[in-house]
C-alpha atoms as a PDB file:
ATOM      1  CA  MET A   1      -6.779   9.911 -13.840  1.00  0.00           C
ATOM      2  CA  GLN A   2      -4.825  13.034 -12.875  1.00  0.00           C
ATOM      3  CA  PRO A   3      -1.228  14.176 -12.720  1.00  0.00           C
ATOM      4  CA  LEU A   4       0.061  14.091  -9.182  1.00  0.00           C
ATOM      5  CA  SER A   5       0.093  17.876  -9.058  1.00  0.00           C
ATOM      6  CA  HIS A   6      -3.709  17.958  -9.473  1.00  0.00           C
ATOM      7  CA  PRO A   7      -5.123  15.213  -7.215  1.00  0.00           C
ATOM      8  CA  THR A   8      -8.718  16.513  -7.356  1.00  0.00           C
ATOM      9  CA  ARG A   9      -9.060  16.276 -11.118  1.00  0.00           C
ATOM     10  CA  THR A  10      -9.722  13.209 -13.256  1.00  0.00           C
ATOM     11  CA  ARG A  11      -7.504  13.745 -16.260  1.00  0.00           C
ATOM     12  CA  ALA A  12      -3.879  14.606 -16.998  1.00  0.00           C
ATOM     13  CA  VAL A  13      -3.791  17.690 -19.226  1.00  0.00           C
ATOM     14  CA  LEU A  14      -0.745  17.400 -21.417  1.00  0.00           C
ATOM     15  CA  VAL A  15       1.116  19.922 -23.529  1.00  0.00           C
ATOM     16  CA  ALA A  16      -0.476  20.716 -26.907  1.00  0.00           C
ATOM     17  CA  ALA A  17       1.303  19.789 -30.120  1.00  0.00           C
ATOM     18  CA  THR A  18       2.382  22.725 -32.280  1.00  0.00           C
ATOM     19  CA  THR A  19       1.627  22.353 -35.982  1.00  0.00           C
ATOM     20  CA  LEU A  20       3.624  24.005 -38.778  1.00  0.00           C
ATOM     21  CA  ALA A  21       2.147  25.240 -42.044  1.00  0.00           C
ATOM     22  CA  LEU A  22       4.498  23.299 -44.276  1.00  0.00           C
ATOM     23  CA  ALA A  23       3.715  21.259 -47.367  1.00  0.00           C
ATOM     24  CA  GLY A  24       4.324  17.485 -47.376  1.00  0.00           C
ATOM     25  CA  ALA A  25       4.288  14.879 -50.076  1.00  0.00           C
ATOM     26  CA  LEU A  26       2.445  11.620 -49.691  1.00  0.00           C
ATOM     27  CA  ALA A  27       2.141   8.813 -52.215  1.00  0.00           C
ATOM     28  CA  ALA A  28      -0.083   5.753 -52.021  1.00  0.00           C
ATOM     29  CA  CYS A  29       1.089   3.280 -54.607  1.00  0.00           C
ATOM     30  CA  GLY A  30      -0.683   0.170 -55.810  1.00  0.00           C
ATOM     31  CA  GLY A  31      -0.144  -2.643 -58.255  1.00  0.00           C
ATOM     32  CA  GLY A  32      -2.325  -4.351 -60.823  1.00  0.00           C
ATOM     33  CA  GLY A  33      -4.398  -1.274 -61.592  1.00  0.00           C
ATOM     34  CA  SER A  34      -4.431   2.333 -60.505  1.00  0.00           C
ATOM     35  CA  SER A  35      -4.935   3.862 -57.077  1.00  0.00           C
ATOM     36  CA  THR A  36      -5.565   7.399 -55.952  1.00  0.00           C
ATOM     37  CA  ALA A  37      -2.967   8.867 -53.620  1.00  0.00           C
ATOM     38  CA  PRO A  38      -3.839  11.464 -50.968  1.00  0.00           C
ATOM     39  CA  ALA A  39      -3.313  15.046 -52.066  1.00  0.00           C
ATOM     40  CA  VAL A  40      -0.945  17.440 -50.305  1.00  0.00           C
ATOM     41  CA  ASP A  41      -1.940  21.115 -50.175  1.00  0.00           C
ATOM     42  CA  GLY A  42      -4.561  20.571 -52.819  1.00  0.00           C
ATOM     43  CA  LYS A  43      -2.225  18.975 -55.373  1.00  0.00           C
ATOM     44  CA  PRO A  44      -3.299  15.416 -56.222  1.00  0.00           C
ATOM     45  CA  ALA A  45      -0.505  12.875 -56.307  1.00  0.00           C
ATOM     46  CA  ALA A  46      -1.709  10.604 -59.066  1.00  0.00           C
ATOM     47  CA  VAL A  47      -0.223   7.156 -59.416  1.00  0.00           C
ATOM     48  CA  ASP A  48      -0.549   5.420 -62.785  1.00  0.00           C
ATOM     49  CA  SER A  49       0.126   1.811 -63.605  1.00  0.00           C
ATOM     50  CA  PRO A  50      -0.910  -0.402 -66.532  1.00  0.00           C
ATOM     51  CA  SER A  51      -4.256  -2.142 -66.367  1.00  0.00           C
ATOM     52  CA  ALA A  52      -4.248  -5.822 -65.478  1.00  0.00           C
ATOM     53  CA  PRO A  53      -4.827  -8.196 -68.419  1.00  0.00           C
ATOM     54  CA  VAL A  54      -8.319  -9.587 -68.818  1.00  0.00           C
ATOM     55  CA  SER A  55      -8.574 -13.149 -67.498  1.00  0.00           C
ATOM     56  CA  SER A  56     -11.346 -15.651 -66.987  1.00  0.00           C
ATOM     57  CA  ALA A  57      -9.634 -17.012 -63.879  1.00  0.00           C
ATOM     58  CA  PRO A  58     -11.160 -16.044 -60.515  1.00  0.00           C
ATOM     59  CA  PRO A  59      -9.374 -13.158 -58.770  1.00  0.00           C
ATOM     60  CA  LYS A  60      -6.595 -14.105 -56.416  1.00  0.00           C
ATOM     61  CA  PRO A  61      -7.651 -13.732 -52.774  1.00  0.00           C
ATOM     62  CA  THR A  62      -5.853 -10.912 -51.033  1.00  0.00           C
ATOM     63  CA  LYS A  63      -5.870  -9.269 -47.662  1.00  0.00           C
ATOM     64  CA  VAL A  64      -4.656  -5.951 -49.035  1.00  0.00           C
ATOM     65  CA  LEU A  65      -7.260  -3.196 -49.130  1.00  0.00           C
ATOM     66  CA  MET A  66      -6.313  -0.442 -51.558  1.00  0.00           C
ATOM     67  CA  PRO A  67      -7.396   3.153 -50.810  1.00  0.00           C
ATOM     68  CA  THR A  68     -11.058   3.619 -51.620  1.00  0.00           C
ATOM     69  CA  GLY A  69     -10.885   7.421 -51.933  1.00  0.00           C
ATOM     70  CA  PRO A  70     -11.636  10.195 -52.152  1.00  0.00           C
ATOM     71  CA  ALA A  71      -8.107  11.346 -51.343  1.00  0.00           C
ATOM     72  CA  THR A  72      -7.709  13.787 -48.454  1.00  0.00           C
ATOM     73  CA  ASN A  73      -5.631  16.962 -48.653  1.00  0.00           C
ATOM     74  CA  PHE A  74      -2.866  16.975 -46.023  1.00  0.00           C
ATOM     75  CA  THR A  75      -0.413  19.564 -44.750  1.00  0.00           C
ATOM     76  CA  LYS A  76       2.820  18.776 -42.961  1.00  0.00           C
ATOM     77  CA  ALA A  77       2.593  19.413 -39.228  1.00  0.00           C
ATOM     78  CA  ARG A  78       6.211  18.690 -38.338  1.00  0.00           C
ATOM     79  CA  ASP A  79       9.253  16.650 -39.269  1.00  0.00           C
ATOM     80  CA  THR A  80      10.598  13.793 -37.201  1.00  0.00           C
ATOM     81  CA  THR A  81      13.755  11.730 -37.597  1.00  0.00           C
ATOM     82  CA  ALA A  82      11.449   9.020 -38.960  1.00  0.00           C
ATOM     83  CA  GLY A  83       9.631  11.183 -41.501  1.00  0.00           C
ATOM     84  CA  PRO A  84       6.918  13.845 -41.483  1.00  0.00           C
ATOM     85  CA  ILE A  85       3.739  13.943 -39.460  1.00  0.00           C
ATOM     86  CA  LEU A  86       0.831  15.068 -41.641  1.00  0.00           C
ATOM     87  CA  MET A  87      -2.366  16.792 -40.566  1.00  0.00           C
ATOM     88  CA  THR A  88      -5.867  17.389 -41.873  1.00  0.00           C
ATOM     89  CA  THR A  89      -9.279  18.410 -40.600  1.00  0.00           C
ATOM     90  CA  LEU A  90     -11.746  15.581 -41.006  1.00  0.00           C
ATOM     91  CA  THR A  91     -15.477  16.215 -41.229  1.00  0.00           C
ATOM     92  CA  GLY A  92     -17.132  12.911 -40.509  1.00  0.00           C
ATOM     93  CA  LYS A  93     -19.971  11.889 -42.810  1.00  0.00           C
ATOM     94  CA  LYS A  94     -21.589   9.743 -40.125  1.00  0.00           C
ATOM     95  CA  SER A  95     -21.064  11.961 -37.072  1.00  0.00           C
ATOM     96  CA  GLY A  96     -20.957  15.458 -38.535  1.00  0.00           C
ATOM     97  CA  VAL A  97     -17.983  16.170 -36.260  1.00  0.00           C
ATOM     98  CA  SER A  98     -15.181  18.244 -37.786  1.00  0.00           C
ATOM     99  CA  ALA A  99     -11.817  17.961 -36.017  1.00  0.00           C
ATOM    100  CA  LYS A 100      -8.084  17.518 -36.540  1.00  0.00           C
ATOM    101  CA  VAL A 101      -6.365  14.234 -37.301  1.00  0.00           C
ATOM    102  CA  TRP A 102      -2.612  13.644 -37.584  1.00  0.00           C
ATOM    103  CA  VAL A 103      -1.037  10.820 -39.593  1.00  0.00           C
ATOM    104  CA  TRP A 104       2.415   9.260 -39.708  1.00  0.00           C
ATOM    105  CA  LEU A 105       3.394   6.791 -42.405  1.00  0.00           C
ATOM    106  CA  PRO A 106       6.365   4.501 -41.734  1.00  0.00           C
ATOM    107  CA  PRO A 107       9.279   4.840 -44.199  1.00  0.00           C
ATOM    108  CA  GLN A 108       8.351   1.475 -45.738  1.00  0.00           C
ATOM    109  CA  TYR A 109       4.968   2.792 -46.863  1.00  0.00           C
ATOM    110  CA  ASN A 110       6.431   4.872 -49.699  1.00  0.00           C
ATOM    111  CA  ASP A 111       9.265   2.449 -50.466  1.00  0.00           C
ATOM    112  CA  PRO A 112       8.712   1.011 -53.975  1.00  0.00           C
ATOM    113  CA  LYS A 113       9.509  -2.446 -52.596  1.00  0.00           C
ATOM    114  CA  TYR A 114       6.317  -2.193 -50.507  1.00  0.00           C
ATOM    115  CA  ALA A 115       4.124  -0.711 -53.255  1.00  0.00           C
ATOM    116  CA  ASN A 116       1.677  -3.632 -53.125  1.00  0.00           C
ATOM    117  CA  TYR A 117       1.656  -4.036 -49.341  1.00  0.00           C
ATOM    118  CA  GLY A 118      -1.117  -3.231 -46.896  1.00  0.00           C
ATOM    119  CA  PHE A 119      -0.014  -1.986 -43.475  1.00  0.00           C
ATOM    120  CA  PRO A 120      -1.255  -2.404 -39.892  1.00  0.00           C
ATOM    121  CA  VAL A 121      -2.999   0.574 -38.289  1.00  0.00           C
ATOM    122  CA  LEU A 122      -2.405   1.941 -34.790  1.00  0.00           C
ATOM    123  CA  THR A 123      -4.755   4.674 -33.556  1.00  0.00           C
ATOM    124  CA  LEU A 124      -3.356   6.766 -30.698  1.00  0.00           C
ATOM    125  CA  TYR A 125      -5.286   8.868 -28.189  1.00  0.00           C
ATOM    126  CA  ALA A 126      -3.758  11.474 -25.905  1.00  0.00           C
ATOM    127  CA  GLY A 127      -3.975  12.331 -22.243  1.00  0.00           C
ATOM    128  CA  GLY A 128      -5.854  15.403 -21.105  1.00  0.00           C
ATOM    129  CA  GLN A 129      -8.550  17.092 -23.106  1.00  0.00           C
ATOM    130  CA  SER A 130      -6.853  16.745 -26.509  1.00  0.00           C
ATOM    131  CA  ASN A 131      -8.852  19.667 -27.856  1.00  0.00           C
ATOM    132  CA  GLY A 132      -7.031  20.625 -31.051  1.00  0.00           C
ATOM    133  CA  TYR A 133      -3.887  18.630 -30.211  1.00  0.00           C
ATOM    134  CA  ASN A 134      -2.616  15.103 -29.691  1.00  0.00           C
ATOM    135  CA  THR A 135       0.507  14.559 -27.591  1.00  0.00           C
ATOM    136  CA  TRP A 136       1.581  11.534 -29.661  1.00  0.00           C
ATOM    137  CA  THR A 137       2.494  14.030 -32.390  1.00  0.00           C
ATOM    138  CA  ASP A 138       5.151  15.969 -30.483  1.00  0.00           C
ATOM    139  CA  ASN A 139       8.574  15.170 -29.061  1.00  0.00           C
ATOM    140  CA  GLN A 140       7.194  14.312 -25.620  1.00  0.00           C
ATOM    141  CA  LEU A 141       6.059  10.937 -26.942  1.00  0.00           C
ATOM    142  CA  PRO A 142       8.338  10.154 -29.916  1.00  0.00           C
ATOM    143  CA  ILE A 143       6.602   6.922 -30.849  1.00  0.00           C
ATOM    144  CA  GLN A 144       7.294   7.359 -34.567  1.00  0.00           C
ATOM    145  CA  ALA A 145      11.092   7.365 -34.153  1.00  0.00           C
ATOM    146  CA  GLU A 146      10.859   4.473 -31.687  1.00  0.00           C
ATOM    147  CA  ASP A 147       8.819   2.438 -34.141  1.00  0.00           C
ATOM    148  CA  ALA A 148      11.242   3.106 -37.000  1.00  0.00           C
ATOM    149  CA  ASP A 149      14.189   1.984 -34.826  1.00  0.00           C
ATOM    150  CA  LEU A 150      12.407  -1.164 -33.636  1.00  0.00           C
ATOM    151  CA  VAL A 151      11.463  -2.060 -37.220  1.00  0.00           C
ATOM    152  CA  LYS A 152      15.173  -1.961 -38.133  1.00  0.00           C
ATOM    153  CA  GLN A 153      15.841  -4.355 -35.238  1.00  0.00           C
ATOM    154  CA  GLY A 154      13.056  -6.688 -36.332  1.00  0.00           C
ATOM    155  CA  LYS A 155      11.115  -6.051 -33.126  1.00  0.00           C
ATOM    156  CA  ALA A 156       8.116  -4.084 -34.399  1.00  0.00           C
ATOM    157  CA  HIS A 157       5.806  -3.711 -37.357  1.00  0.00           C
ATOM    158  CA  PRO A 158       5.892  -0.509 -39.408  1.00  0.00           C
ATOM    159  CA  PHE A 159       2.535   0.902 -38.298  1.00  0.00           C
ATOM    160  CA  ILE A 160       0.406   3.533 -39.961  1.00  0.00           C
ATOM    161  CA  MET A 161      -0.232   5.821 -36.980  1.00  0.00           C
ATOM    162  CA  ILE A 162      -3.478   7.795 -36.743  1.00  0.00           C
ATOM    163  CA  MET A 163      -3.706  10.472 -34.029  1.00  0.00           C
ATOM    164  CA  PRO A 164      -7.119  12.185 -33.698  1.00  0.00           C
ATOM    165  CA  VAL A 165      -8.261  14.746 -31.142  1.00  0.00           C
ATOM    166  CA  GLN A 166     -10.801  13.706 -28.487  1.00  0.00           C
ATOM    167  CA  ASN A 167     -12.695  16.894 -27.659  1.00  0.00           C
ATOM    168  CA  LEU A 168     -13.892  20.088 -29.273  1.00  0.00           C
ATOM    169  CA  ILE A 169     -13.757  22.181 -26.096  1.00  0.00           C
ATOM    170  CA  SER A 170     -11.227  22.555 -23.283  1.00  0.00           C
ATOM    171  CA  ASP A 171     -13.658  22.434 -20.351  1.00  0.00           C
ATOM    172  CA  GLU A 172     -12.498  19.402 -18.408  1.00  0.00           C
ATOM    173  CA  ASN A 173     -15.799  18.974 -16.633  1.00  0.00           C
ATOM    174  CA  ASN A 174     -17.677  18.805 -19.914  1.00  0.00           C
ATOM    175  CA  ALA A 175     -15.545  16.384 -21.905  1.00  0.00           C
ATOM    176  CA  PHE A 176     -17.155  14.161 -24.529  1.00  0.00           C
ATOM    177  CA  ASP A 177     -15.679  10.963 -23.020  1.00  0.00           C
ATOM    178  CA  CYS A 178     -15.056   9.540 -26.511  1.00  0.00           C
ATOM    179  CA  SER A 179     -18.791   8.869 -26.673  1.00  0.00           C
ATOM    180  CA  ASP A 180     -22.079   9.903 -28.240  1.00  0.00           C
ATOM    181  CA  ILE A 181     -23.463  11.756 -25.236  1.00  0.00           C
ATOM    182  CA  PRO A 182     -27.116  12.642 -25.898  1.00  0.00           C
ATOM    183  CA  GLY A 183     -27.433  16.176 -27.216  1.00  0.00           C
ATOM    184  CA  GLN A 184     -23.682  16.553 -27.819  1.00  0.00           C
ATOM    185  CA  PRO A 185     -21.380  16.104 -30.842  1.00  0.00           C
ATOM    186  CA  LYS A 186     -21.139  12.422 -31.729  1.00  0.00           C
ATOM    187  CA  MET A 187     -17.492  11.893 -30.816  1.00  0.00           C
ATOM    188  CA  GLY A 188     -17.972   8.153 -30.346  1.00  0.00           C
ATOM    189  CA  THR A 189     -19.222   7.790 -33.919  1.00  0.00           C
ATOM    190  CA  TRP A 190     -16.442  10.059 -35.213  1.00  0.00           C
ATOM    191  CA  MET A 191     -13.790   7.922 -33.527  1.00  0.00           C
ATOM    192  CA  ALA A 192     -15.216   4.462 -34.209  1.00  0.00           C
ATOM    193  CA  GLU A 193     -16.644   4.975 -37.713  1.00  0.00           C
ATOM    194  CA  ASP A 194     -15.465   8.159 -39.416  1.00  0.00           C
ATOM    195  CA  ILE A 195     -11.796   7.740 -38.459  1.00  0.00           C
ATOM    196  CA  PRO A 196     -11.545   4.137 -39.802  1.00  0.00           C
ATOM    197  CA  ASP A 197     -13.407   5.194 -42.974  1.00  0.00           C
ATOM    198  CA  PHE A 198     -10.885   8.021 -43.413  1.00  0.00           C
ATOM    199  CA  VAL A 199      -7.978   5.601 -43.005  1.00  0.00           C
ATOM    200  CA  ARG A 200      -9.350   3.138 -45.558  1.00  0.00           C
ATOM    201  CA  ALA A 201     -10.090   5.960 -47.991  1.00  0.00           C
ATOM    202  CA  ASN A 202      -6.491   7.173 -47.987  1.00  0.00           C
ATOM    203  CA  PHE A 203      -4.106   4.343 -47.202  1.00  0.00           C
ATOM    204  CA  ARG A 204      -3.228   0.767 -48.083  1.00  0.00           C
ATOM    205  CA  THR A 205      -4.482  -1.305 -45.189  1.00  0.00           C
ATOM    206  CA  LEU A 206      -5.447  -4.939 -44.588  1.00  0.00           C
ATOM    207  CA  LYS A 207      -8.902  -6.473 -44.552  1.00  0.00           C
ATOM    208  CA  GLY A 208     -10.400  -7.474 -41.240  1.00  0.00           C
ATOM    209  CA  ARG A 209      -9.478  -6.477 -37.705  1.00  0.00           C
ATOM    210  CA  ASP A 210      -6.317  -8.519 -37.204  1.00  0.00           C
ATOM    211  CA  SER A 211      -4.041  -5.595 -38.079  1.00  0.00           C
ATOM    212  CA  TRP A 212      -5.919  -2.839 -36.192  1.00  0.00           C
ATOM    213  CA  GLY A 213      -4.976  -1.697 -32.681  1.00  0.00           C
ATOM    214  CA  VAL A 214      -5.727   1.280 -30.451  1.00  0.00           C
ATOM    215  CA  MET A 215      -3.587   2.749 -27.666  1.00  0.00           C
ATOM    216  CA  GLY A 216      -3.746   5.775 -25.387  1.00  0.00           C
ATOM    217  CA  ALA A 217      -2.417   7.226 -22.148  1.00  0.00           C
ATOM    218  CA  SER A 218      -4.478   8.494 -19.209  1.00  0.00           C
ATOM    219  CA  THR A 219      -7.670   9.870 -20.792  1.00  0.00           C
ATOM    220  CA  GLY A 220      -6.505   8.186 -23.987  1.00  0.00           C
ATOM    221  CA  GLY A 221      -6.277   4.946 -22.017  1.00  0.00           C
ATOM    222  CA  PHE A 222      -9.932   5.297 -21.084  1.00  0.00           C
ATOM    223  CA  CYS A 223     -10.781   5.925 -24.742  1.00  0.00           C
ATOM    224  CA  SER A 224      -8.735   3.031 -26.115  1.00  0.00           C
ATOM    225  CA  ALA A 225     -10.250   0.527 -23.676  1.00  0.00           C
ATOM    226  CA  LYS A 226     -13.790   1.755 -24.303  1.00  0.00           C
ATOM    227  CA  LEU A 227     -13.504   1.760 -28.090  1.00  0.00           C
ATOM    228  CA  ALA A 228     -12.014  -1.744 -28.222  1.00  0.00           C
ATOM    229  CA  LEU A 229     -14.679  -3.176 -25.928  1.00  0.00           C
ATOM    230  CA  GLN A 230     -17.464  -1.542 -27.926  1.00  0.00           C
ATOM    231  CA  HIS A 231     -16.022  -2.319 -31.353  1.00  0.00           C
ATOM    232  CA  PRO A 232     -14.272  -5.714 -31.343  1.00  0.00           C
ATOM    233  CA  ASP A 233     -15.161  -5.981 -35.036  1.00  0.00           C
ATOM    234  CA  LEU A 234     -12.718  -3.127 -35.685  1.00  0.00           C
ATOM    235  CA  TYR A 235      -9.966  -3.549 -33.071  1.00  0.00           C
ATOM    236  CA  LYS A 236      -8.258  -6.802 -32.210  1.00  0.00           C
ATOM    237  CA  VAL A 237      -6.132  -5.303 -29.413  1.00  0.00           C
ATOM    238  CA  ALA A 238      -5.885  -2.251 -27.171  1.00  0.00           C
ATOM    239  CA  VAL A 239      -3.240  -0.810 -24.853  1.00  0.00           C
ATOM    240  CA  PRO A 240      -4.674   1.486 -22.161  1.00  0.00           C
ATOM    241  CA  ILE A 241      -1.640   3.136 -20.517  1.00  0.00           C
ATOM    242  CA  ASP A 242      -2.375   4.291 -16.953  1.00  0.00           C
ATOM    243  CA  GLY A 243      -6.067   4.624 -17.755  1.00  0.00           C
ATOM    244  CA  TYR A 244      -9.218   5.101 -15.694  1.00  0.00           C
ATOM    245  CA  TRP A 245     -12.584   3.469 -16.324  1.00  0.00           C
ATOM    246  CA  ASN A 246     -15.459   5.676 -15.189  1.00  0.00           C
ATOM    247  CA  PRO A 247     -16.984   8.248 -17.601  1.00  0.00           C
ATOM    248  CA  ASP A 248     -17.490  11.299 -15.403  1.00  0.00           C
ATOM    249  CA  SER A 249     -18.301  14.221 -17.686  1.00  0.00           C
ATOM    250  CA  HIS A 250     -21.022  16.534 -16.373  1.00  0.00           C
ATOM    251  CA  LEU A 251     -22.652  16.173 -19.789  1.00  0.00           C
ATOM    252  CA  TRP A 252     -23.921  12.719 -18.757  1.00  0.00           C
ATOM    253  CA  ARG A 253     -26.317  14.231 -16.191  1.00  0.00           C
ATOM    254  CA  GLY A 254     -29.795  12.929 -16.861  1.00  0.00           C
ATOM    255  CA  HIS A 255     -28.431  10.139 -19.058  1.00  0.00           C
ATOM    256  CA  GLU A 256     -27.270   7.487 -16.604  1.00  0.00           C
ATOM    257  CA  ALA A 257     -28.201   4.500 -18.750  1.00  0.00           C
ATOM    258  CA  GLU A 258     -26.189   5.883 -21.643  1.00  0.00           C
ATOM    259  CA  ARG A 259     -23.275   6.686 -19.330  1.00  0.00           C
ATOM    260  CA  LEU A 260     -23.101   3.121 -18.056  1.00  0.00           C
ATOM    261  CA  ALA A 261     -23.279   1.796 -21.614  1.00  0.00           C
ATOM    262  CA  ASN A 262     -20.084   3.760 -22.315  1.00  0.00           C
ATOM    263  CA  SER A 263     -18.264   2.802 -19.114  1.00  0.00           C
ATOM    264  CA  PRO A 264     -15.175   0.572 -19.475  1.00  0.00           C
ATOM    265  CA  ASP A 265     -15.788  -0.406 -15.858  1.00  0.00           C
ATOM    266  CA  MET A 266     -19.073  -2.006 -16.914  1.00  0.00           C
ATOM    267  CA  LEU A 267     -18.071  -3.112 -20.405  1.00  0.00           C
ATOM    268  CA  VAL A 268     -15.056  -5.134 -19.316  1.00  0.00           C
ATOM    269  CA  ALA A 269     -17.292  -7.632 -17.530  1.00  0.00           C
ATOM    270  CA  THR A 270     -20.377  -7.548 -19.748  1.00  0.00           C
ATOM    271  CA  SER A 271     -19.490  -6.759 -23.354  1.00  0.00           C
ATOM    272  CA  LYS A 272     -18.234 -10.258 -24.343  1.00  0.00           C
ATOM    273  CA  ALA A 273     -15.782  -8.555 -26.685  1.00  0.00           C
ATOM    274  CA  ASP A 274     -13.170 -10.884 -28.173  1.00  0.00           C
ATOM    275  CA  VAL A 275     -10.279  -8.468 -27.691  1.00  0.00           C
ATOM    276  CA  LYS A 276      -6.908  -8.647 -26.013  1.00  0.00           C
ATOM    277  CA  MET A 277      -5.465  -5.786 -23.961  1.00  0.00           C
ATOM    278  CA  LEU A 278      -2.315  -4.741 -22.190  1.00  0.00           C
ATOM    279  CA  ALA A 279      -3.249  -2.496 -19.255  1.00  0.00           C
ATOM    280  CA  THR A 280      -0.438  -0.619 -17.538  1.00  0.00           C
ATOM    281  CA  ALA A 281      -0.192   1.199 -14.227  1.00  0.00           C
ATOM    282  CA  ALA A 282       2.358   3.459 -12.584  1.00  0.00           C
ATOM    283  CA  GLY A 283       4.043   1.406  -9.869  1.00  0.00           C
ATOM    284  CA  GLY A 284       4.913   4.509  -7.859  1.00  0.00           C
ATOM    285  CA  THR A 285       1.251   5.527  -7.576  1.00  0.00           C
ATOM    286  CA  PRO A 286      -0.614   3.083  -5.282  1.00  0.00           C
ATOM    287  CA  TYR A 287      -4.043   4.547  -6.048  1.00  0.00           C
ATOM    288  CA  GLU A 288      -3.516   3.918  -9.750  1.00  0.00           C
ATOM    289  CA  THR A 289      -2.138   0.410  -9.420  1.00  0.00           C
ATOM    290  CA  ASN A 290      -5.115  -0.541  -7.242  1.00  0.00           C
ATOM    291  CA  LEU A 291      -7.549   0.985  -9.739  1.00  0.00           C
ATOM    292  CA  VAL A 292      -6.060  -0.811 -12.748  1.00  0.00           C
ATOM    293  CA  LYS A 293      -5.661  -4.169 -10.982  1.00  0.00           C
ATOM    294  CA  LYS A 294      -9.314  -4.172  -9.896  1.00  0.00           C
ATOM    295  CA  TRP A 295     -10.387  -3.405 -13.449  1.00  0.00           C
ATOM    296  CA  VAL A 296      -8.211  -6.132 -14.954  1.00  0.00           C
ATOM    297  CA  ALA A 297      -9.687  -8.640 -12.501  1.00  0.00           C
ATOM    298  CA  LYS A 298     -13.193  -7.900 -13.812  1.00  0.00           C
ATOM    299  CA  ALA A 299     -12.404  -9.043 -17.367  1.00  0.00           C
ATOM    300  CA  ALA A 300     -14.765 -11.789 -18.537  1.00  0.00           C
ATOM    301  CA  ALA A 301     -14.031 -14.190 -21.378  1.00  0.00           C
ATOM    302  CA  PRO A 302     -13.472 -13.849 -24.246  1.00  0.00           C
ATOM    303  CA  THR A 303     -11.866 -10.521 -23.238  1.00  0.00           C
ATOM    304  CA  THR A 304      -8.322 -11.063 -21.952  1.00  0.00           C
ATOM    305  CA  ILE A 305      -6.116  -8.453 -20.283  1.00  0.00           C
ATOM    306  CA  GLU A 306      -2.441  -8.595 -19.418  1.00  0.00           C
ATOM    307  CA  TYR A 307      -1.224  -6.325 -16.630  1.00  0.00           C
ATOM    308  CA  TYR A 308       2.059  -4.441 -16.569  1.00  0.00           C
ATOM    309  CA  GLU A 309       3.232  -2.321 -13.654  1.00  0.00           C
ATOM    310  CA  GLN A 310       5.963   0.183 -14.398  1.00  0.00           C
ATOM    311  CA  PRO A 311       8.433  -0.014 -11.480  1.00  0.00           C
ATOM    312  CA  GLY A 312       8.425   3.301  -9.620  1.00  0.00           C
ATOM    313  CA  GLY A 313       6.418   4.924 -12.414  1.00  0.00           C
ATOM    314  CA  LYS A 314       4.351   8.063 -11.971  1.00  0.00           C
ATOM    315  CA  HIS A 315       1.335   9.329 -13.873  1.00  0.00           C
ATOM    316  CA  LEU A 316       3.500  11.561 -16.034  1.00  0.00           C
ATOM    317  CA  THR A 317       4.150  11.941 -19.748  1.00  0.00           C
ATOM    318  CA  SER A 318       7.845  11.314 -19.124  1.00  0.00           C
ATOM    319  CA  ASP A 319       6.953   7.862 -17.756  1.00  0.00           C
ATOM    320  CA  PHE A 320       4.469   7.140 -20.540  1.00  0.00           C
ATOM    321  CA  LYS A 321       7.398   7.718 -22.910  1.00  0.00           C
ATOM    322  CA  LYS A 322       9.454   5.002 -21.222  1.00  0.00           C
ATOM    323  CA  MET A 323       6.804   2.407 -22.036  1.00  0.00           C
ATOM    324  CA  ILE A 324       6.708   3.060 -25.784  1.00  0.00           C
ATOM    325  CA  PRO A 325       9.177   0.308 -26.812  1.00  0.00           C
ATOM    326  CA  ASN A 326       7.476  -2.377 -24.712  1.00  0.00           C
ATOM    327  CA  THR A 327       4.017  -1.438 -25.927  1.00  0.00           C
ATOM    328  CA  LEU A 328       5.081  -1.427 -29.593  1.00  0.00           C
ATOM    329  CA  GLU A 329       6.654  -4.860 -29.202  1.00  0.00           C
ATOM    330  CA  TRP A 330       3.494  -6.171 -27.518  1.00  0.00           C
ATOM    331  CA  LEU A 331       1.313  -4.758 -30.287  1.00  0.00           C
ATOM    332  CA  THR A 332       3.565  -6.369 -32.881  1.00  0.00           C
ATOM    333  CA  LYS A 333       3.248  -9.787 -31.239  1.00  0.00           C
ATOM    334  CA  ASN A 334      -0.540  -9.529 -31.251  1.00  0.00           C
ATOM    335  CA  LEU A 335      -1.252  -7.913 -34.623  1.00  0.00           C
ATOM    336  CA  ASP A 336      -0.594  -8.942 -38.221  1.00  0.00           C
ATOM    337  CA  GLY A 337       2.186  -7.101 -39.997  1.00  0.00           C
ATOM    338  CA  PRO A 338       2.410  -5.792 -43.570  1.00  0.00           C
ATOM    339  CA  GLU A 339       1.260  -8.176 -46.303  1.00  0.00           C
ATOM    340  CA  ASN A 340       1.241  -8.028 -50.090  1.00  0.00           C
ATOM    341  CA  ASP A 341      -0.873  -9.501 -52.843  1.00  0.00           C
END
């Protein structure tokens, strides 16, 4: 899916996020024991609490999943009106891929009143190549401030937001398509396994998939739809904003069976994934609305997809921005919010 100024290309290349070499503090607090907080600039942020008394009673069931460690070292990429965005380079144990990941924690996460709470997770993928950047981290798509405002109004959950890159090179014709393309870096494994492992290692989350969602715009829409359809055990919902559905990297040449296995166009009708999606299209772009509508119509139970058409919308970052409040409210209605022990 391309910006209107480049009709012959398949992706919208968006502006890269600029990171700042600043230090940021991050605490992950827990109750009834001790938990390890992520480190910032190499300085561990230890959290101590008294040990729970020994009891013969069975442990109380809980949905909260405390950080498993080891803690990651973060730097601060930038400040927002809703708190800092942190950054690290993650080397995946399962994929071997090493790439940047940005994280935003809602203000409630470090509030002592929420010390024993697990939080829902929203993974965000960018448009364009997203090689070394993610547009959800800059002021073009201020989703963090929007979420904080909607939380105050009681309209949205305070989400942990995870914003990984999607590619390791900038060659549009040789993108990794958020997949394990034979002979290439295993980006599909990095996204679907290493990223969730990283989140659980560092942050208080909730057990199961009912508090995990994925969203992206343009190329990120392709990725979010594909990942949810392939991994319904991880994601309960997905929001592909103005996405496309056909993996078209030149790296798939000679690997047609594998390409089709990673095609949202095929998966939506055959995967039998129990996931719910909100698929959007730009109402001012007939080609896009037709493309998205045809894809939505292919959905086979138990997959369900709602369709939203932005009136007069274009395939532009400025129009993706306008849909942030609606998408956050939809995600909140379909995902579990913070819970405590």
